[in-house]
Amino acid sequence: MSEHPNPSQYWFHRRTMAYACLTAIIVSLICALTGKIPEPMLPLVEGLCWILGFIVAAYYTNNAAEAFAKVRK
């Protein structure tokens, strides 16, 4: 993979995306637990949380992989 011209900007946008997804997961969980989400919509919200969770996991995995690559250099 080629290097990004501005790695700081690249990671800022990825970090913002991951934190936005994490915030959406937490808000969805709070709304589901307090009963603000109708019961028929819970499977849809669960699927959305799984997708957002994969985005957060990908961010942390890529972050760890890049850190590991720097250590190996």
PDB file of N, CA and C in Angstrom:
ATOM      1  N   MET A   1       0.843  -1.177   0.000  1.00  0.00           N
ATOM      2  CA  MET A   1       0.000   0.000   0.000  1.00  0.00           C
ATOM      3  C   MET A   1       0.884   1.235   0.000  1.00  0.00           C
ATOM      4  N   SER A   2       0.529   2.194  -0.822  1.00  0.00           N
ATOM      5  CA  SER A   2       1.327   3.416  -0.872  1.00  0.00           C
ATOM      6  C   SER A   2       1.025   4.278   0.346  1.00  0.00           C
ATOM      7  N   GLU A   3       1.992   5.071   0.708  1.00  0.00           N
ATOM      8  CA  GLU A   3       1.844   5.934   1.877  1.00  0.00           C
ATOM      9  C   GLU A   3       0.896   7.090   1.565  1.00  0.00           C
ATOM     10  N   HIS A   4       0.112   7.473   2.527  1.00  0.00           N
ATOM     11  CA  HIS A   4      -0.782   8.606   2.380  1.00  0.00           C
ATOM     12  C   HIS A   4       0.060   9.882   2.440  1.00  0.00           C
ATOM     13  N   PRO A   5      -0.268  10.893   1.610  1.00  0.00           N
ATOM     14  CA  PRO A   5       0.538  12.119   1.628  1.00  0.00           C
ATOM     15  C   PRO A   5       0.559  12.807   2.998  1.00  0.00           C
ATOM     16  N   ASN A   6      -0.503  12.662   3.755  1.00  0.00           N
ATOM     17  CA  ASN A   6      -0.570  13.276   5.071  1.00  0.00           C
ATOM     18  C   ASN A   6      -1.115  12.240   6.054  1.00  0.00           C
ATOM     19  N   PRO A   7      -0.256  11.410   6.644  1.00  0.00           N
ATOM     20  CA  PRO A   7      -0.737  10.351   7.541  1.00  0.00           C
ATOM     21  C   PRO A   7      -1.541  10.866   8.729  1.00  0.00           C
ATOM     22  N   SER A   8      -1.217  12.051   9.222  1.00  0.00           N
ATOM     23  CA  SER A   8      -1.952  12.611  10.348  1.00  0.00           C
ATOM     24  C   SER A   8      -3.414  12.846   9.975  1.00  0.00           C
ATOM     25  N   GLN A   9      -3.640  13.393   8.793  1.00  0.00           N
ATOM     26  CA  GLN A   9      -5.006  13.645   8.321  1.00  0.00           C
ATOM     27  C   GLN A   9      -5.735  12.318   8.075  1.00  0.00           C
ATOM     28  N   TYR A  10      -5.037  11.354   7.515  1.00  0.00           N
ATOM     29  CA  TYR A  10      -5.616  10.036   7.239  1.00  0.00           C
ATOM     30  C   TYR A  10      -6.125   9.397   8.528  1.00  0.00           C
ATOM     31  N   TRP A  11      -5.302   9.388   9.559  1.00  0.00           N
ATOM     32  CA  TRP A  11      -5.702   8.765  10.817  1.00  0.00           C
ATOM     33  C   TRP A  11      -6.722   9.593  11.559  1.00  0.00           C
ATOM     34  N   PHE A  12      -6.725  10.916  11.391  1.00  0.00           N
ATOM     35  CA  PHE A  12      -7.743  11.746  12.025  1.00  0.00           C
ATOM     36  C   PHE A  12      -9.124  11.375  11.507  1.00  0.00           C
ATOM     37  N   HIS A  13      -9.248  11.221  10.190  1.00  0.00           N
ATOM     38  CA  HIS A  13     -10.548  10.887   9.611  1.00  0.00           C
ATOM     39  C   HIS A  13     -10.982   9.480  10.004  1.00  0.00           C
ATOM     40  N   ARG A  14     -10.052   8.553  10.033  1.00  0.00           N
ATOM     41  CA  ARG A  14     -10.392   7.185  10.449  1.00  0.00           C
ATOM     42  C   ARG A  14     -10.809   7.161  11.914  1.00  0.00           C
ATOM     43  N   ARG A  15     -10.107   7.913  12.762  1.00  0.00           N
ATOM     44  CA  ARG A  15     -10.425   7.967  14.183  1.00  0.00           C
ATOM     45  C   ARG A  15     -11.800   8.599  14.390  1.00  0.00           C
ATOM     46  N   THR A  16     -12.095   9.672  13.654  1.00  0.00           N
ATOM     47  CA  THR A  16     -13.400  10.323  13.752  1.00  0.00           C
ATOM     48  C   THR A  16     -14.510   9.359  13.357  1.00  0.00           C
ATOM     49  N   MET A  17     -14.303   8.595  12.288  1.00  0.00           N
ATOM     50  CA  MET A  17     -15.294   7.625  11.842  1.00  0.00           C
ATOM     51  C   MET A  17     -15.507   6.552  12.912  1.00  0.00           C
ATOM     52  N   ALA A  18     -14.437   6.049  13.503  1.00  0.00           N
ATOM     53  CA  ALA A  18     -14.553   5.002  14.518  1.00  0.00           C
ATOM     54  C   ALA A  18     -15.269   5.524  15.759  1.00  0.00           C
ATOM     55  N   TYR A  19     -14.950   6.734  16.200  1.00  0.00           N
ATOM     56  CA  TYR A  19     -15.606   7.284  17.382  1.00  0.00           C
ATOM     57  C   TYR A  19     -17.074   7.598  17.114  1.00  0.00           C
ATOM     58  N   ALA A  20     -17.405   8.033  15.904  1.00  0.00           N
ATOM     59  CA  ALA A  20     -18.809   8.272  15.552  1.00  0.00           C
ATOM     60  C   ALA A  20     -19.593   6.961  15.583  1.00  0.00           C
ATOM     61  N   CYS A  21     -19.000   5.885  15.079  1.00  0.00           N
ATOM     62  CA  CYS A  21     -19.648   4.576  15.111  1.00  0.00           C
ATOM     63  C   CYS A  21     -19.813   4.084  16.538  1.00  0.00           C
ATOM     64  N   LEU A  22     -18.801   4.265  17.354  1.00  0.00           N
ATOM     65  CA  LEU A  22     -18.877   3.843  18.754  1.00  0.00           C
ATOM     66  C   LEU A  22     -19.961   4.630  19.500  1.00  0.00           C
ATOM     67  N   THR A  23     -20.067   5.918  19.218  1.00  0.00           N
ATOM     68  CA  THR A  23     -21.114   6.735  19.822  1.00  0.00           C
ATOM     69  C   THR A  23     -22.495   6.256  19.382  1.00  0.00           C
ATOM     70  N   ALA A  24     -22.649   5.920  18.105  1.00  0.00           N
ATOM     71  CA  ALA A  24     -23.936   5.422  17.605  1.00  0.00           C
ATOM     72  C   ALA A  24     -24.308   4.096  18.256  1.00  0.00           C
ATOM     73  N   ILE A  25     -23.327   3.234  18.485  1.00  0.00           N
ATOM     74  CA  ILE A  25     -23.594   1.959  19.154  1.00  0.00           C
ATOM     75  C   ILE A  25     -24.067   2.199  20.585  1.00  0.00           C
ATOM     76  N   ILE A  26     -23.407   3.089  21.297  1.00  0.00           N
ATOM     77  CA  ILE A  26     -23.781   3.363  22.681  1.00  0.00           C
ATOM     78  C   ILE A  26     -25.168   3.991  22.763  1.00  0.00           C
ATOM     79  N   VAL A  27     -25.459   4.936  21.875  1.00  0.00           N
ATOM     80  CA  VAL A  27     -26.784   5.569  21.862  1.00  0.00           C
ATOM     81  C   VAL A  27     -27.859   4.539  21.532  1.00  0.00           C
ATOM     82  N   SER A  28     -27.582   3.661  20.570  1.00  0.00           N
ATOM     83  CA  SER A  28     -28.547   2.611  20.209  1.00  0.00           C
ATOM     84  C   SER A  28     -28.793   1.677  21.382  1.00  0.00           C
ATOM     85  N   LEU A  29     -27.739   1.319  22.090  1.00  0.00           N
ATOM     86  CA  LEU A  29     -27.884   0.444  23.244  1.00  0.00           C
ATOM     87  C   LEU A  29     -28.717   1.106  24.337  1.00  0.00           C
ATOM     88  N   ILE A  30     -28.444   2.356  24.622  1.00  0.00           N
ATOM     89  CA  ILE A  30     -29.208   3.075  25.639  1.00  0.00           C
ATOM     90  C   ILE A  30     -30.679   3.173  25.237  1.00  0.00           C
ATOM     91  N   CYS A  31     -30.936   3.509  23.976  1.00  0.00           N
ATOM     92  CA  CYS A  31     -32.321   3.610  23.511  1.00  0.00           C
ATOM     93  C   CYS A  31     -33.032   2.261  23.553  1.00  0.00           C
ATOM     94  N   ALA A  32     -32.324   1.195  23.214  1.00  0.00           N
ATOM     95  CA  ALA A  32     -32.931  -0.138  23.249  1.00  0.00           C
ATOM     96  C   ALA A  32     -33.238  -0.559  24.683  1.00  0.00           C
ATOM     97  N   LEU A  33     -32.340  -0.255  25.603  1.00  0.00           N
ATOM     98  CA  LEU A  33     -32.548  -0.655  26.995  1.00  0.00           C
ATOM     99  C   LEU A  33     -33.632   0.169  27.689  1.00  0.00           C
ATOM    100  N   THR A  34     -33.807   1.409  27.284  1.00  0.00           N
ATOM    101  CA  THR A  34     -34.825   2.249  27.912  1.00  0.00           C
ATOM    102  C   THR A  34     -36.183   2.130  27.236  1.00  0.00           C
ATOM    103  N   GLY A  35     -36.268   1.393  26.145  1.00  0.00           N
ATOM    104  CA  GLY A  35     -37.551   1.163  25.490  1.00  0.00           C
ATOM    105  C   GLY A  35     -37.951   2.214  24.485  1.00  0.00           C
ATOM    106  N   LYS A  36     -37.036   3.063  24.071  1.00  0.00           N
ATOM    107  CA  LYS A  36     -37.355   4.098  23.088  1.00  0.00           C
ATOM    108  C   LYS A  36     -37.436   3.541  21.663  1.00  0.00           C
ATOM    109  N   ILE A  37     -36.867   2.369  21.445  1.00  0.00           N
ATOM    110  CA  ILE A  37     -36.922   1.725  20.139  1.00  0.00           C
ATOM    111  C   ILE A  37     -38.020   0.670  20.192  1.00  0.00           C
ATOM    112  N   PRO A  38     -38.979   0.717  19.262  1.00  0.00           N
ATOM    113  CA  PRO A  38     -40.048  -0.283  19.268  1.00  0.00           C
ATOM    114  C   PRO A  38     -39.481  -1.694  19.092  1.00  0.00           C
ATOM    115  N   GLU A  39     -40.106  -2.656  19.744  1.00  0.00           N
ATOM    116  CA  GLU A  39     -39.596  -4.028  19.732  1.00  0.00           C
ATOM    117  C   GLU A  39     -39.446  -4.616  18.329  1.00  0.00           C
ATOM    118  N   PRO A  40     -40.368  -4.349  17.382  1.00  0.00           N
ATOM    119  CA  PRO A  40     -40.166  -4.917  16.036  1.00  0.00           C
ATOM    120  C   PRO A  40     -38.912  -4.391  15.327  1.00  0.00           C
ATOM    121  N   MET A  41     -38.390  -3.239  15.756  1.00  0.00           N
ATOM    122  CA  MET A  41     -37.208  -2.660  15.115  1.00  0.00           C
ATOM    123  C   MET A  41     -35.899  -3.131  15.746  1.00  0.00           C
ATOM    124  N   LEU A  42     -35.958  -3.856  16.837  1.00  0.00           N
ATOM    125  CA  LEU A  42     -34.738  -4.281  17.525  1.00  0.00           C
ATOM    126  C   LEU A  42     -33.808  -5.136  16.648  1.00  0.00           C
ATOM    127  N   PRO A  43     -34.330  -6.072  15.826  1.00  0.00           N
ATOM    128  CA  PRO A  43     -33.394  -6.808  14.952  1.00  0.00           C
ATOM    129  C   PRO A  43     -32.664  -5.897  13.955  1.00  0.00           C
ATOM    130  N   LEU A  44     -33.341  -4.868  13.469  1.00  0.00           N
ATOM    131  CA  LEU A  44     -32.698  -3.916  12.558  1.00  0.00           C
ATOM    132  C   LEU A  44     -31.597  -3.145  13.280  1.00  0.00           C
ATOM    133  N   VAL A  45     -31.872  -2.707  14.494  1.00  0.00           N
ATOM    134  CA  VAL A  45     -30.879  -1.980  15.285  1.00  0.00           C
ATOM    135  C   VAL A  45     -29.706  -2.895  15.635  1.00  0.00           C
ATOM    136  N   GLU A  46     -30.005  -4.159  15.929  1.00  0.00           N
ATOM    137  CA  GLU A  46     -28.935  -5.108  16.232  1.00  0.00           C
ATOM    138  C   GLU A  46     -28.007  -5.279  15.027  1.00  0.00           C
ATOM    139  N   GLY A  47     -28.585  -5.425  13.845  1.00  0.00           N
ATOM    140  CA  GLY A  47     -27.761  -5.540  12.635  1.00  0.00           C
ATOM    141  C   GLY A  47     -26.924  -4.302  12.395  1.00  0.00           C
ATOM    142  N   LEU A  48     -27.519  -3.140  12.623  1.00  0.00           N
ATOM    143  CA  LEU A  48     -26.778  -1.884  12.469  1.00  0.00           C
ATOM    144  C   LEU A  48     -25.614  -1.813  13.448  1.00  0.00           C
ATOM    145  N   CYS A  49     -25.845  -2.247  14.680  1.00  0.00           N
ATOM    146  CA  CYS A  49     -24.772  -2.230  15.685  1.00  0.00           C
ATOM    147  C   CYS A  49     -23.651  -3.193  15.322  1.00  0.00           C
ATOM    148  N   TRP A  50     -23.986  -4.345  14.728  1.00  0.00           N
ATOM    149  CA  TRP A  50     -22.948  -5.269  14.280  1.00  0.00           C
ATOM    150  C   TRP A  50     -22.088  -4.616  13.186  1.00  0.00           C
ATOM    151  N   ILE A  51     -22.713  -3.955  12.235  1.00  0.00           N
ATOM    152  CA  ILE A  51     -21.969  -3.299  11.151  1.00  0.00           C
ATOM    153  C   ILE A  51     -21.076  -2.200  11.721  1.00  0.00           C
ATOM    154  N   LEU A  52     -21.631  -1.373  12.601  1.00  0.00           N
ATOM    155  CA  LEU A  52     -20.835  -0.300  13.199  1.00  0.00           C
ATOM    156  C   LEU A  52     -19.708  -0.872  14.065  1.00  0.00           C
ATOM    157  N   GLY A  53     -19.966  -1.987  14.720  1.00  0.00           N
ATOM    158  CA  GLY A  53     -18.933  -2.639  15.523  1.00  0.00           C
ATOM    159  C   GLY A  53     -17.779  -3.142  14.668  1.00  0.00           C
ATOM    160  N   PHE A  54     -18.095  -3.651  13.473  1.00  0.00           N
ATOM    161  CA  PHE A  54     -17.033  -4.090  12.576  1.00  0.00           C
ATOM    162  C   PHE A  54     -16.166  -2.914  12.125  1.00  0.00           C
ATOM    163  N   ILE A  55     -16.772  -1.752  11.933  1.00  0.00           N
ATOM    164  CA  ILE A  55     -15.995  -0.563  11.551  1.00  0.00           C
ATOM    165  C   ILE A  55     -15.031  -0.176  12.676  1.00  0.00           C
ATOM    166  N   VAL A  56     -15.525  -0.201  13.906  1.00  0.00           N
ATOM    167  CA  VAL A  56     -14.671   0.122  15.059  1.00  0.00           C
ATOM    168  C   VAL A  56     -13.549  -0.910  15.189  1.00  0.00           C
ATOM    169  N   ALA A  57     -13.886  -2.190  15.036  1.00  0.00           N
ATOM    170  CA  ALA A  57     -12.871  -3.243  15.134  1.00  0.00           C
ATOM    171  C   ALA A  57     -11.826  -3.108  14.025  1.00  0.00           C
ATOM    172  N   ALA A  58     -12.254  -2.749  12.822  1.00  0.00           N
ATOM    173  CA  ALA A  58     -11.308  -2.562  11.714  1.00  0.00           C
ATOM    174  C   ALA A  58     -10.353  -1.415  11.997  1.00  0.00           C
ATOM    175  N   TYR A  59     -10.859  -0.332  12.588  1.00  0.00           N
ATOM    176  CA  TYR A  59      -9.990   0.800  12.920  1.00  0.00           C
ATOM    177  C   TYR A  59      -8.903   0.364  13.895  1.00  0.00           C
ATOM    178  N   TYR A  60      -9.303  -0.305  14.971  1.00  0.00           N
ATOM    179  CA  TYR A  60      -8.313  -0.704  15.975  1.00  0.00           C
ATOM    180  C   TYR A  60      -7.361  -1.772  15.441  1.00  0.00           C
ATOM    181  N   THR A  61      -7.849  -2.654  14.593  1.00  0.00           N
ATOM    182  CA  THR A  61      -6.982  -3.671  13.992  1.00  0.00           C
ATOM    183  C   THR A  61      -5.952  -3.020  13.068  1.00  0.00           C
ATOM    184  N   ASN A  62      -6.402  -2.097  12.223  1.00  0.00           N
ATOM    185  CA  ASN A  62      -5.472  -1.408  11.319  1.00  0.00           C
ATOM    186  C   ASN A  62      -4.477  -0.552  12.098  1.00  0.00           C
ATOM    187  N   ASN A  63      -4.939   0.042  13.175  1.00  0.00           N
ATOM    188  CA  ASN A  63      -4.053   0.846  14.016  1.00  0.00           C
ATOM    189  C   ASN A  63      -2.954  -0.035  14.624  1.00  0.00           C
ATOM    190  N   ALA A  64      -3.356  -1.196  15.126  1.00  0.00           N
ATOM    191  CA  ALA A  64      -2.374  -2.119  15.715  1.00  0.00           C
ATOM    192  C   ALA A  64      -1.419  -2.658  14.646  1.00  0.00           C
ATOM    193  N   ALA A  65      -1.934  -2.958  13.470  1.00  0.00           N
ATOM    194  CA  ALA A  65      -1.085  -3.482  12.403  1.00  0.00           C
ATOM    195  C   ALA A  65      -0.049  -2.438  11.972  1.00  0.00           C
ATOM    196  N   GLU A  66      -0.464  -1.175  11.883  1.00  0.00           N
ATOM    197  CA  GLU A  66       0.491  -0.134  11.490  1.00  0.00           C
ATOM    198  C   GLU A  66       1.535   0.083  12.582  1.00  0.00           C
ATOM    199  N   ALA A  67       1.123   0.036  13.831  1.00  0.00           N
ATOM    200  CA  ALA A  67       2.078   0.184  14.932  1.00  0.00           C
ATOM    201  C   ALA A  67       3.076  -0.967  14.944  1.00  0.00           C
ATOM    202  N   PHE A  68       2.574  -2.180  14.685  1.00  0.00           N
ATOM    203  CA  PHE A  68       3.444  -3.345  14.637  1.00  0.00           C
ATOM    204  C   PHE A  68       4.434  -3.240  13.469  1.00  0.00           C
ATOM    205  N   ALA A  69       3.978  -2.707  12.335  1.00  0.00           N
ATOM    206  CA  ALA A  69       4.853  -2.538  11.170  1.00  0.00           C
ATOM    207  C   ALA A  69       5.962  -1.533  11.464  1.00  0.00           C
ATOM    208  N   LYS A  70       5.643  -0.487  12.219  1.00  0.00           N
ATOM    209  CA  LYS A  70       6.670   0.503  12.576  1.00  0.00           C
ATOM    210  C   LYS A  70       7.715  -0.105  13.503  1.00  0.00           C
ATOM    211  N   VAL A  71       7.281  -0.980  14.394  1.00  0.00           N
ATOM    212  CA  VAL A  71       8.220  -1.613  15.336  1.00  0.00           C
ATOM    213  C   VAL A  71       9.157  -2.547  14.586  1.00  0.00           C
ATOM    214  N   ARG A  72       8.661  -3.214  13.578  1.00  0.00           N
ATOM    215  CA  ARG A  72       9.473  -4.192  12.842  1.00  0.00           C
ATOM    216  C   ARG A  72      10.485  -3.540  11.913  1.00  0.00           C
ATOM    217  N   LYS A  73      10.342  -2.263  11.597  1.00  0.00           N
ATOM    218  CA  LYS A  73      11.269  -1.587  10.666  1.00  0.00           C
ATOM    219  C   LYS A  73      12.624  -1.421  11.259  1.00  0.00           C
TER     220      LYS A  73
END
